[in-house]
Amino acid sequence: MTTTPVSRPPVDQRRPLLGLRRRPGRLALMVMRMPLRAYRHDAGWMLGHTFVEFTHVGRKTGRPHDAVAMVLRYDEATRETVICAGWADTDWYRNLRAGPAAMVRLGRDSFTPEHRFLTEADAFDVAVQFRREHPHRMRLITRVLGWGDLREDDAVREFVRAHPFVAFRPAPPPTGRTPRAGRRGQRSRCCPTLAPGPDLVNVLKGPISSPRAKQGGPSDGCSASEPAPRNGPSGAPGHRLLTPQARADMTHAG
């Protein structure tokens, strides 16, 4: 029995240890997969605002895919998160060009996002600010991803021309929907709102009996009138109307 030995790919075709300009290396893949595993095990809160996970939808298959990126800027007020694509032809960048992301998770926060692509001027400001505030992190990520030396502004300008910057922020709620009111905010069906006019004047002048009370039924308790008195012998609600003869009899009796 003979076996065919498996030939290794040529040395020049193997994945390099460090990242290149257009292809991630083994070390880059290992580093970027660590925070992704943390998010998948519900431990993303330990990363704070350092790494963000987002779900992008395949532009051809329509299937969701998870990706993680280092946060270059985070705005506390707007919750906007800026990231950078390590390579211009990365899949998640091309998917975002075709449609929005489905979900963003940053530490303990998660939201349905909208995104925008930064201009070169805005991307340059973000990169320079990140270099100034996080010099050690900047040196590490450029070493791992093979971005070269970005300590000079000219190198940063060249970098932002070749690497797209994307900003996520929570998407506004859909228009055309009115929030459902709670118990205190619910409007009673039997107490319509009175606009300024004759109805409101009548309410201010005196009590208005409810429609159900006029029909001989019990008061519904939602009208502007006070509780009706007990029914008389005839069964009609409220006070009875006395005839002139009955009123005269009561006067003589008194």
C-alpha atoms as a PDB file:
ATOM      1  CA  MET A   1       0.000   0.000   0.000  1.00  0.00           C
ATOM      2  CA  THR A   2       1.440   3.292  -1.030  1.00  0.00           C
ATOM      3  CA  THR A   3       0.496   6.697   0.228  1.00  0.00           C
ATOM      4  CA  THR A   4       0.841   9.936  -1.598  1.00  0.00           C
ATOM      5  CA  PRO A   5       2.642  12.520   0.510  1.00  0.00           C
ATOM      6  CA  VAL A   6       0.855  15.816   0.961  1.00  0.00           C
ATOM      7  CA  SER A   7       2.923  18.557  -0.550  1.00  0.00           C
ATOM      8  CA  ARG A   8       3.153  21.852   1.272  1.00  0.00           C
ATOM      9  CA  PRO A   9       2.518  25.069  -0.587  1.00  0.00           C
ATOM     10  CA  PRO A  10       5.577  26.939  -1.770  1.00  0.00           C
ATOM     11  CA  VAL A  11       7.227  29.194   0.741  1.00  0.00           C
ATOM     12  CA  ASP A  12       6.228  32.315  -1.144  1.00  0.00           C
ATOM     13  CA  GLN A  13       2.529  31.267  -1.028  1.00  0.00           C
ATOM     14  CA  ARG A  14       2.327  30.571   2.716  1.00  0.00           C
ATOM     15  CA  ARG A  15       0.491  33.036   4.913  1.00  0.00           C
ATOM     16  CA  PRO A  16       3.078  35.300   6.513  1.00  0.00           C
ATOM     17  CA  LEU A  17       3.405  35.696  10.235  1.00  0.00           C
ATOM     18  CA  LEU A  18       2.655  39.399  10.159  1.00  0.00           C
ATOM     19  CA  GLY A  19       0.029  41.130   8.115  1.00  0.00           C
ATOM     20  CA  LEU A  20       0.717  42.673   4.750  1.00  0.00           C
ATOM     21  CA  ARG A  21      -0.954  45.636   3.092  1.00  0.00           C
ATOM     22  CA  ARG A  22      -3.707  43.577   1.474  1.00  0.00           C
ATOM     23  CA  ARG A  23      -3.706  40.252   3.335  1.00  0.00           C
ATOM     24  CA  PRO A  24      -3.925  39.412   7.063  1.00  0.00           C
ATOM     25  CA  GLY A  25      -1.165  37.332   8.574  1.00  0.00           C
ATOM     26  CA  ARG A  26      -1.404  34.497  11.064  1.00  0.00           C
ATOM     27  CA  LEU A  27      -0.617  36.718  14.020  1.00  0.00           C
ATOM     28  CA  ALA A  28      -3.168  39.306  12.887  1.00  0.00           C
ATOM     29  CA  LEU A  29      -5.871  36.668  12.588  1.00  0.00           C
ATOM     30  CA  MET A  30      -5.064  35.258  16.016  1.00  0.00           C
ATOM     31  CA  VAL A  31      -5.140  38.678  17.687  1.00  0.00           C
ATOM     32  CA  MET A  32      -8.389  39.746  16.032  1.00  0.00           C
ATOM     33  CA  ARG A  33     -10.150  36.471  16.815  1.00  0.00           C
ATOM     34  CA  MET A  34      -9.517  36.745  20.550  1.00  0.00           C
ATOM     35  CA  PRO A  35     -12.038  39.574  21.192  1.00  0.00           C
ATOM     36  CA  LEU A  36     -14.502  37.844  18.845  1.00  0.00           C
ATOM     37  CA  ARG A  37     -14.396  34.740  21.052  1.00  0.00           C
ATOM     38  CA  ALA A  38     -14.912  36.967  24.093  1.00  0.00           C
ATOM     39  CA  TYR A  39     -18.103  38.419  22.618  1.00  0.00           C
ATOM     40  CA  ARG A  40     -19.379  34.987  21.637  1.00  0.00           C
ATOM     41  CA  HIS A  41     -18.939  33.812  25.237  1.00  0.00           C
ATOM     42  CA  ASP A  42     -20.768  36.892  26.633  1.00  0.00           C
ATOM     43  CA  ALA A  43     -17.522  38.330  27.948  1.00  0.00           C
ATOM     44  CA  GLY A  44     -17.416  41.362  25.684  1.00  0.00           C
ATOM     45  CA  TRP A  45     -18.010  43.645  28.657  1.00  0.00           C
ATOM     46  CA  MET A  46     -14.426  42.915  29.730  1.00  0.00           C
ATOM     47  CA  LEU A  47     -13.152  44.648  26.577  1.00  0.00           C
ATOM     48  CA  GLY A  48     -14.844  47.951  27.382  1.00  0.00           C
ATOM     49  CA  HIS A  49     -14.611  50.345  24.435  1.00  0.00           C
ATOM     50  CA  THR A  50     -11.451  48.793  22.998  1.00  0.00           C
ATOM     51  CA  PHE A  51     -12.981  46.322  20.533  1.00  0.00           C
ATOM     52  CA  VAL A  52     -16.382  46.394  18.871  1.00  0.00           C
ATOM     53  CA  GLU A  53     -18.235  43.444  17.382  1.00  0.00           C
ATOM     54  CA  PHE A  54     -20.720  43.955  14.556  1.00  0.00           C
ATOM     55  CA  THR A  55     -22.863  41.689  12.402  1.00  0.00           C
ATOM     56  CA  HIS A  56     -22.756  42.396   8.686  1.00  0.00           C
ATOM     57  CA  VAL A  57     -24.886  40.736   6.020  1.00  0.00           C
ATOM     58  CA  GLY A  58     -23.348  39.042   3.012  1.00  0.00           C
ATOM     59  CA  ARG A  59     -23.949  41.044  -0.125  1.00  0.00           C
ATOM     60  CA  LYS A  60     -24.392  37.870  -2.214  1.00  0.00           C
ATOM     61  CA  THR A  61     -25.576  35.192   0.220  1.00  0.00           C
ATOM     62  CA  GLY A  62     -27.604  37.378   2.610  1.00  0.00           C
ATOM     63  CA  ARG A  63     -26.166  35.450   5.568  1.00  0.00           C
ATOM     64  CA  PRO A  64     -25.050  37.238   8.750  1.00  0.00           C
ATOM     65  CA  HIS A  65     -21.360  37.322   9.631  1.00  0.00           C
ATOM     66  CA  ASP A  66     -19.683  38.549  12.810  1.00  0.00           C
ATOM     67  CA  ALA A  67     -16.573  40.702  12.727  1.00  0.00           C
ATOM     68  CA  VAL A  68     -14.541  42.576  15.306  1.00  0.00           C
ATOM     69  CA  ALA A  69     -12.412  45.704  15.002  1.00  0.00           C
ATOM     70  CA  MET A  70     -10.429  47.982  17.262  1.00  0.00           C
ATOM     71  CA  VAL A  71     -12.224  51.176  18.235  1.00  0.00           C
ATOM     72  CA  LEU A  72     -10.339  54.276  17.127  1.00  0.00           C
ATOM     73  CA  ARG A  73     -12.805  56.819  18.522  1.00  0.00           C
ATOM     74  CA  TYR A  74     -15.903  56.624  20.710  1.00  0.00           C
ATOM     75  CA  ASP A  75     -18.289  59.502  21.361  1.00  0.00           C
ATOM     76  CA  GLU A  76     -20.088  59.201  24.694  1.00  0.00           C
ATOM     77  CA  ALA A  77     -22.828  61.647  23.701  1.00  0.00           C
ATOM     78  CA  THR A  78     -23.836  60.109  20.377  1.00  0.00           C
ATOM     79  CA  ARG A  79     -22.468  56.588  21.034  1.00  0.00           C
ATOM     80  CA  GLU A  80     -20.724  56.780  17.679  1.00  0.00           C
ATOM     81  CA  THR A  81     -17.929  54.243  17.199  1.00  0.00           C
ATOM     82  CA  VAL A  82     -15.258  54.712  14.527  1.00  0.00           C
ATOM     83  CA  ILE A  83     -13.290  51.761  13.160  1.00  0.00           C
ATOM     84  CA  CYS A  84     -10.886  51.200  10.304  1.00  0.00           C
ATOM     85  CA  ALA A  85     -10.691  48.386   7.785  1.00  0.00           C
ATOM     86  CA  GLY A  86      -7.328  46.685   7.952  1.00  0.00           C
ATOM     87  CA  TRP A  87      -7.474  46.046   4.221  1.00  0.00           C
ATOM     88  CA  ALA A  88      -9.392  47.872   1.539  1.00  0.00           C
ATOM     89  CA  ASP A  89     -10.897  44.711   0.064  1.00  0.00           C
ATOM     90  CA  THR A  90     -12.029  43.157   3.348  1.00  0.00           C
ATOM     91  CA  ASP A  91     -15.387  41.380   3.175  1.00  0.00           C
ATOM     92  CA  TRP A  92     -17.173  43.334   5.897  1.00  0.00           C
ATOM     93  CA  TYR A  93     -16.311  46.650   4.235  1.00  0.00           C
ATOM     94  CA  ARG A  94     -17.730  45.517   0.898  1.00  0.00           C
ATOM     95  CA  ASN A  95     -20.826  44.191   2.667  1.00  0.00           C
ATOM     96  CA  LEU A  96     -21.359  47.551   4.374  1.00  0.00           C
ATOM     97  CA  ARG A  97     -21.105  49.187   0.981  1.00  0.00           C
ATOM     98  CA  ALA A  98     -24.024  47.024  -0.109  1.00  0.00           C
ATOM     99  CA  GLY A  99     -26.203  47.395   3.003  1.00  0.00           C
ATOM    100  CA  PRO A 100     -26.326  48.286   6.716  1.00  0.00           C
ATOM    101  CA  ALA A 101     -25.072  46.161   9.566  1.00  0.00           C
ATOM    102  CA  ALA A 102     -27.601  44.170  11.570  1.00  0.00           C
ATOM    103  CA  MET A 103     -26.208  44.655  15.081  1.00  0.00           C
ATOM    104  CA  VAL A 104     -23.353  46.332  16.959  1.00  0.00           C
ATOM    105  CA  ARG A 105     -22.033  45.275  20.363  1.00  0.00           C
ATOM    106  CA  LEU A 106     -19.608  47.441  22.288  1.00  0.00           C
ATOM    107  CA  GLY A 107     -18.844  46.316  25.807  1.00  0.00           C
ATOM    108  CA  ARG A 108     -22.202  46.087  27.570  1.00  0.00           C
ATOM    109  CA  ASP A 109     -23.964  48.174  24.927  1.00  0.00           C
ATOM    110  CA  SER A 110     -25.714  46.796  21.840  1.00  0.00           C
ATOM    111  CA  PHE A 111     -27.871  48.518  19.244  1.00  0.00           C
ATOM    112  CA  THR A 112     -29.155  48.382  15.687  1.00  0.00           C
ATOM    113  CA  PRO A 113     -26.803  50.702  13.826  1.00  0.00           C
ATOM    114  CA  GLU A 114     -26.586  53.034  10.947  1.00  0.00           C
ATOM    115  CA  HIS A 115     -23.169  53.765   9.478  1.00  0.00           C
ATOM    116  CA  ARG A 116     -21.332  56.335   7.459  1.00  0.00           C
ATOM    117  CA  PHE A 117     -17.993  56.355   5.645  1.00  0.00           C
ATOM    118  CA  LEU A 118     -15.572  59.020   6.765  1.00  0.00           C
ATOM    119  CA  THR A 119     -13.847  61.374   4.390  1.00  0.00           C
ATOM    120  CA  GLU A 120     -10.059  61.419   4.195  1.00  0.00           C
ATOM    121  CA  ALA A 121      -9.947  64.589   6.276  1.00  0.00           C
ATOM    122  CA  ASP A 122     -12.120  63.115   9.035  1.00  0.00           C
ATOM    123  CA  ALA A 123     -10.206  59.826   8.932  1.00  0.00           C
ATOM    124  CA  PHE A 124      -6.913  61.700   9.283  1.00  0.00           C
ATOM    125  CA  ASP A 125      -8.204  63.530  12.378  1.00  0.00           C
ATOM    126  CA  VAL A 126      -9.339  60.244  13.922  1.00  0.00           C
ATOM    127  CA  ALA A 127      -5.995  58.544  13.256  1.00  0.00           C
ATOM    128  CA  VAL A 128      -3.946  61.445  14.628  1.00  0.00           C
ATOM    129  CA  GLN A 129      -6.114  61.650  17.766  1.00  0.00           C
ATOM    130  CA  PHE A 130      -5.814  57.895  18.304  1.00  0.00           C
ATOM    131  CA  ARG A 131      -2.042  58.075  17.888  1.00  0.00           C
ATOM    132  CA  ARG A 132      -1.830  60.897  20.423  1.00  0.00           C
ATOM    133  CA  GLU A 133      -4.133  59.303  23.035  1.00  0.00           C
ATOM    134  CA  HIS A 134      -3.047  55.668  22.613  1.00  0.00           C
ATOM    135  CA  PRO A 135       0.564  55.570  21.388  1.00  0.00           C
ATOM    136  CA  HIS A 136       1.282  52.043  22.666  1.00  0.00           C
ATOM    137  CA  ARG A 137      -1.908  50.652  21.172  1.00  0.00           C
ATOM    138  CA  MET A 138      -1.125  52.377  17.901  1.00  0.00           C
ATOM    139  CA  ARG A 139       2.349  50.866  17.829  1.00  0.00           C
ATOM    140  CA  LEU A 140       0.978  47.405  18.580  1.00  0.00           C
ATOM    141  CA  ILE A 141      -1.732  47.386  15.935  1.00  0.00           C
ATOM    142  CA  THR A 142       0.554  48.767  13.227  1.00  0.00           C
ATOM    143  CA  ARG A 143       3.090  46.068  14.078  1.00  0.00           C
ATOM    144  CA  VAL A 144       0.550  43.243  14.091  1.00  0.00           C
ATOM    145  CA  LEU A 145      -1.314  44.325  10.976  1.00  0.00           C
ATOM    146  CA  GLY A 146       1.792  45.414   9.095  1.00  0.00           C
ATOM    147  CA  TRP A 147       0.704  49.001   8.573  1.00  0.00           C
ATOM    148  CA  GLY A 148       4.202  50.381   8.803  1.00  0.00           C
ATOM    149  CA  ASP A 149       5.424  53.365  10.776  1.00  0.00           C
ATOM    150  CA  LEU A 150       2.621  55.893  11.287  1.00  0.00           C
ATOM    151  CA  ARG A 151       4.430  58.305  13.563  1.00  0.00           C
ATOM    152  CA  GLU A 152       4.645  60.909  10.799  1.00  0.00           C
ATOM    153  CA  ASP A 153       1.621  62.791   9.488  1.00  0.00           C
ATOM    154  CA  ASP A 154       2.553  62.126   5.869  1.00  0.00           C
ATOM    155  CA  ALA A 155       2.477  58.386   6.551  1.00  0.00           C
ATOM    156  CA  VAL A 156      -0.934  58.756   8.177  1.00  0.00           C
ATOM    157  CA  ARG A 157      -2.290  60.618   5.150  1.00  0.00           C
ATOM    158  CA  GLU A 158      -1.075  57.852   2.885  1.00  0.00           C
ATOM    159  CA  PHE A 159      -2.604  55.296   5.201  1.00  0.00           C
ATOM    160  CA  VAL A 160      -6.101  56.830   5.240  1.00  0.00           C
ATOM    161  CA  ARG A 161      -6.137  56.960   1.442  1.00  0.00           C
ATOM    162  CA  ALA A 162      -5.796  53.171   1.300  1.00  0.00           C
ATOM    163  CA  HIS A 163      -7.870  52.169   4.352  1.00  0.00           C
ATOM    164  CA  PRO A 164     -11.560  53.058   4.694  1.00  0.00           C
ATOM    165  CA  PHE A 165     -12.890  54.395   8.008  1.00  0.00           C
ATOM    166  CA  VAL A 166     -16.443  53.580   9.114  1.00  0.00           C
ATOM    167  CA  ALA A 167     -18.532  55.055  11.943  1.00  0.00           C
ATOM    168  CA  PHE A 168     -21.429  53.229  13.632  1.00  0.00           C
ATOM    169  CA  ARG A 169     -24.124  54.910  15.687  1.00  0.00           C
ATOM    170  CA  PRO A 170     -27.589  53.838  16.914  1.00  0.00           C
ATOM    171  CA  ALA A 171     -30.191  54.119  14.179  1.00  0.00           C
ATOM    172  CA  PRO A 172     -33.179  56.393  14.916  1.00  0.00           C
ATOM    173  CA  PRO A 173     -36.526  54.687  15.612  1.00  0.00           C
ATOM    174  CA  PRO A 174     -38.753  54.056  12.581  1.00  0.00           C
ATOM    175  CA  THR A 175     -41.004  56.975  11.684  1.00  0.00           C
ATOM    176  CA  GLY A 176     -44.773  56.675  11.575  1.00  0.00           C
ATOM    177  CA  ARG A 177     -45.059  54.737  14.815  1.00  0.00           C
ATOM    178  CA  THR A 178     -46.521  56.272  17.932  1.00  0.00           C
ATOM    179  CA  PRO A 179     -45.396  54.814  21.247  1.00  0.00           C
ATOM    180  CA  ARG A 180     -48.063  52.929  23.139  1.00  0.00           C
ATOM    181  CA  ALA A 181     -49.124  54.712  26.285  1.00  0.00           C
ATOM    182  CA  GLY A 182     -49.057  53.004  29.638  1.00  0.00           C
ATOM    183  CA  ARG A 183     -51.955  52.755  32.030  1.00  0.00           C
ATOM    184  CA  ARG A 184     -51.587  56.323  33.162  1.00  0.00           C
ATOM    185  CA  GLY A 185     -51.272  57.584  29.619  1.00  0.00           C
ATOM    186  CA  GLN A 186     -54.193  55.627  28.163  1.00  0.00           C
ATOM    187  CA  ARG A 187     -57.221  57.670  27.203  1.00  0.00           C
ATOM    188  CA  SER A 188     -60.591  56.364  28.263  1.00  0.00           C
ATOM    189  CA  ARG A 189     -62.972  55.543  25.455  1.00  0.00           C
ATOM    190  CA  CYS A 190     -65.960  57.050  27.298  1.00  0.00           C
ATOM    191  CA  CYS A 191     -64.235  60.343  28.127  1.00  0.00           C
ATOM    192  CA  PRO A 192     -63.497  62.110  24.832  1.00  0.00           C
ATOM    193  CA  THR A 193     -61.343  65.192  24.826  1.00  0.00           C
ATOM    194  CA  LEU A 194     -63.421  68.363  24.729  1.00  0.00           C
ATOM    195  CA  ALA A 195     -62.196  71.084  22.445  1.00  0.00           C
ATOM    196  CA  PRO A 196     -62.816  74.741  23.331  1.00  0.00           C
ATOM    197  CA  GLY A 197     -66.408  75.437  22.354  1.00  0.00           C
ATOM    198  CA  PRO A 198     -69.984  74.878  23.542  1.00  0.00           C
ATOM    199  CA  ASP A 199     -69.196  71.454  25.055  1.00  0.00           C
ATOM    200  CA  LEU A 200     -66.463  72.842  27.237  1.00  0.00           C
ATOM    201  CA  VAL A 201     -68.650  75.779  28.298  1.00  0.00           C
ATOM    202  CA  ASN A 202     -71.422  73.387  29.379  1.00  0.00           C
ATOM    203  CA  VAL A 203     -68.970  71.367  31.422  1.00  0.00           C
ATOM    204  CA  LEU A 204     -67.784  74.485  33.207  1.00  0.00           C
ATOM    205  CA  LYS A 205     -71.345  75.697  33.886  1.00  0.00           C
ATOM    206  CA  GLY A 206     -72.654  72.568  35.521  1.00  0.00           C
ATOM    207  CA  PRO A 207     -72.781  68.771  35.586  1.00  0.00           C
ATOM    208  CA  ILE A 208     -73.584  66.801  32.481  1.00  0.00           C
ATOM    209  CA  SER A 209     -75.290  63.483  32.934  1.00  0.00           C
ATOM    210  CA  SER A 210     -73.809  60.547  31.092  1.00  0.00           C
ATOM    211  CA  PRO A 211     -75.582  59.084  28.039  1.00  0.00           C
ATOM    212  CA  ARG A 212     -76.086  55.785  29.813  1.00  0.00           C
ATOM    213  CA  ALA A 213     -77.751  57.520  32.765  1.00  0.00           C
ATOM    214  CA  LYS A 214     -80.231  59.204  30.413  1.00  0.00           C
ATOM    215  CA  GLN A 215     -81.184  55.798  29.046  1.00  0.00           C
ATOM    216  CA  GLY A 216     -81.999  54.508  32.500  1.00  0.00           C
ATOM    217  CA  GLY A 217     -78.778  52.585  33.098  1.00  0.00           C
ATOM    218  CA  PRO A 218     -76.175  53.145  35.782  1.00  0.00           C
ATOM    219  CA  SER A 219     -73.635  55.901  35.306  1.00  0.00           C
ATOM    220  CA  ASP A 220     -70.394  54.744  33.680  1.00  0.00           C
ATOM    221  CA  GLY A 221     -68.283  56.852  36.038  1.00  0.00           C
ATOM    222  CA  CYS A 222     -66.310  58.426  33.173  1.00  0.00           C
ATOM    223  CA  SER A 223     -68.453  61.449  32.500  1.00  0.00           C
ATOM    224  CA  ALA A 224     -67.909  64.927  33.861  1.00  0.00           C
ATOM    225  CA  SER A 225     -70.980  64.722  36.099  1.00  0.00           C
ATOM    226  CA  GLU A 226     -71.103  63.795  39.740  1.00  0.00           C
ATOM    227  CA  PRO A 227     -72.511  60.433  40.848  1.00  0.00           C
ATOM    228  CA  ALA A 228     -76.233  60.330  40.184  1.00  0.00           C
ATOM    229  CA  PRO A 229     -78.589  59.933  43.187  1.00  0.00           C
ATOM    230  CA  ARG A 230     -80.539  56.764  43.752  1.00  0.00           C
ATOM    231  CA  ASN A 231     -83.416  56.005  41.443  1.00  0.00           C
ATOM    232  CA  GLY A 232     -86.930  57.029  42.490  1.00  0.00           C
ATOM    233  CA  PRO A 233     -89.980  54.757  42.691  1.00  0.00           C
ATOM    234  CA  SER A 234     -90.563  55.070  38.956  1.00  0.00           C
ATOM    235  CA  GLY A 235     -87.135  53.642  38.235  1.00  0.00           C
ATOM    236  CA  ALA A 236     -85.887  56.772  36.436  1.00  0.00           C
ATOM    237  CA  PRO A 237     -82.451  57.928  37.497  1.00  0.00           C
ATOM    238  CA  GLY A 238     -81.974  61.192  39.359  1.00  0.00           C
ATOM    239  CA  HIS A 239     -84.619  63.450  40.946  1.00  0.00           C
ATOM    240  CA  ARG A 240     -88.269  63.290  39.929  1.00  0.00           C
ATOM    241  CA  LEU A 241     -89.968  66.304  38.388  1.00  0.00           C
ATOM    242  CA  LEU A 242     -92.837  67.458  40.667  1.00  0.00           C
ATOM    243  CA  THR A 243     -96.066  68.732  39.224  1.00  0.00           C
ATOM    244  CA  PRO A 244     -97.466  72.085  40.481  1.00  0.00           C
ATOM    245  CA  GLN A 245    -100.235  70.222  42.390  1.00  0.00           C
ATOM    246  CA  ALA A 246     -97.731  67.973  44.129  1.00  0.00           C
ATOM    247  CA  ARG A 247     -95.566  70.968  45.014  1.00  0.00           C
ATOM    248  CA  ALA A 248     -98.618  72.750  46.499  1.00  0.00           C
ATOM    249  CA  ASP A 249     -99.518  69.663  48.538  1.00  0.00           C
ATOM    250  CA  MET A 250     -96.040  69.503  49.964  1.00  0.00           C
ATOM    251  CA  THR A 251     -96.222  73.197  50.903  1.00  0.00           C
ATOM    252  CA  HIS A 252     -99.541  72.725  52.783  1.00  0.00           C
ATOM    253  CA  ALA A 253     -98.201  69.598  54.431  1.00  0.00           C
ATOM    254  CA  GLY A 254     -95.183  71.504  55.713  1.00  0.00           C
END
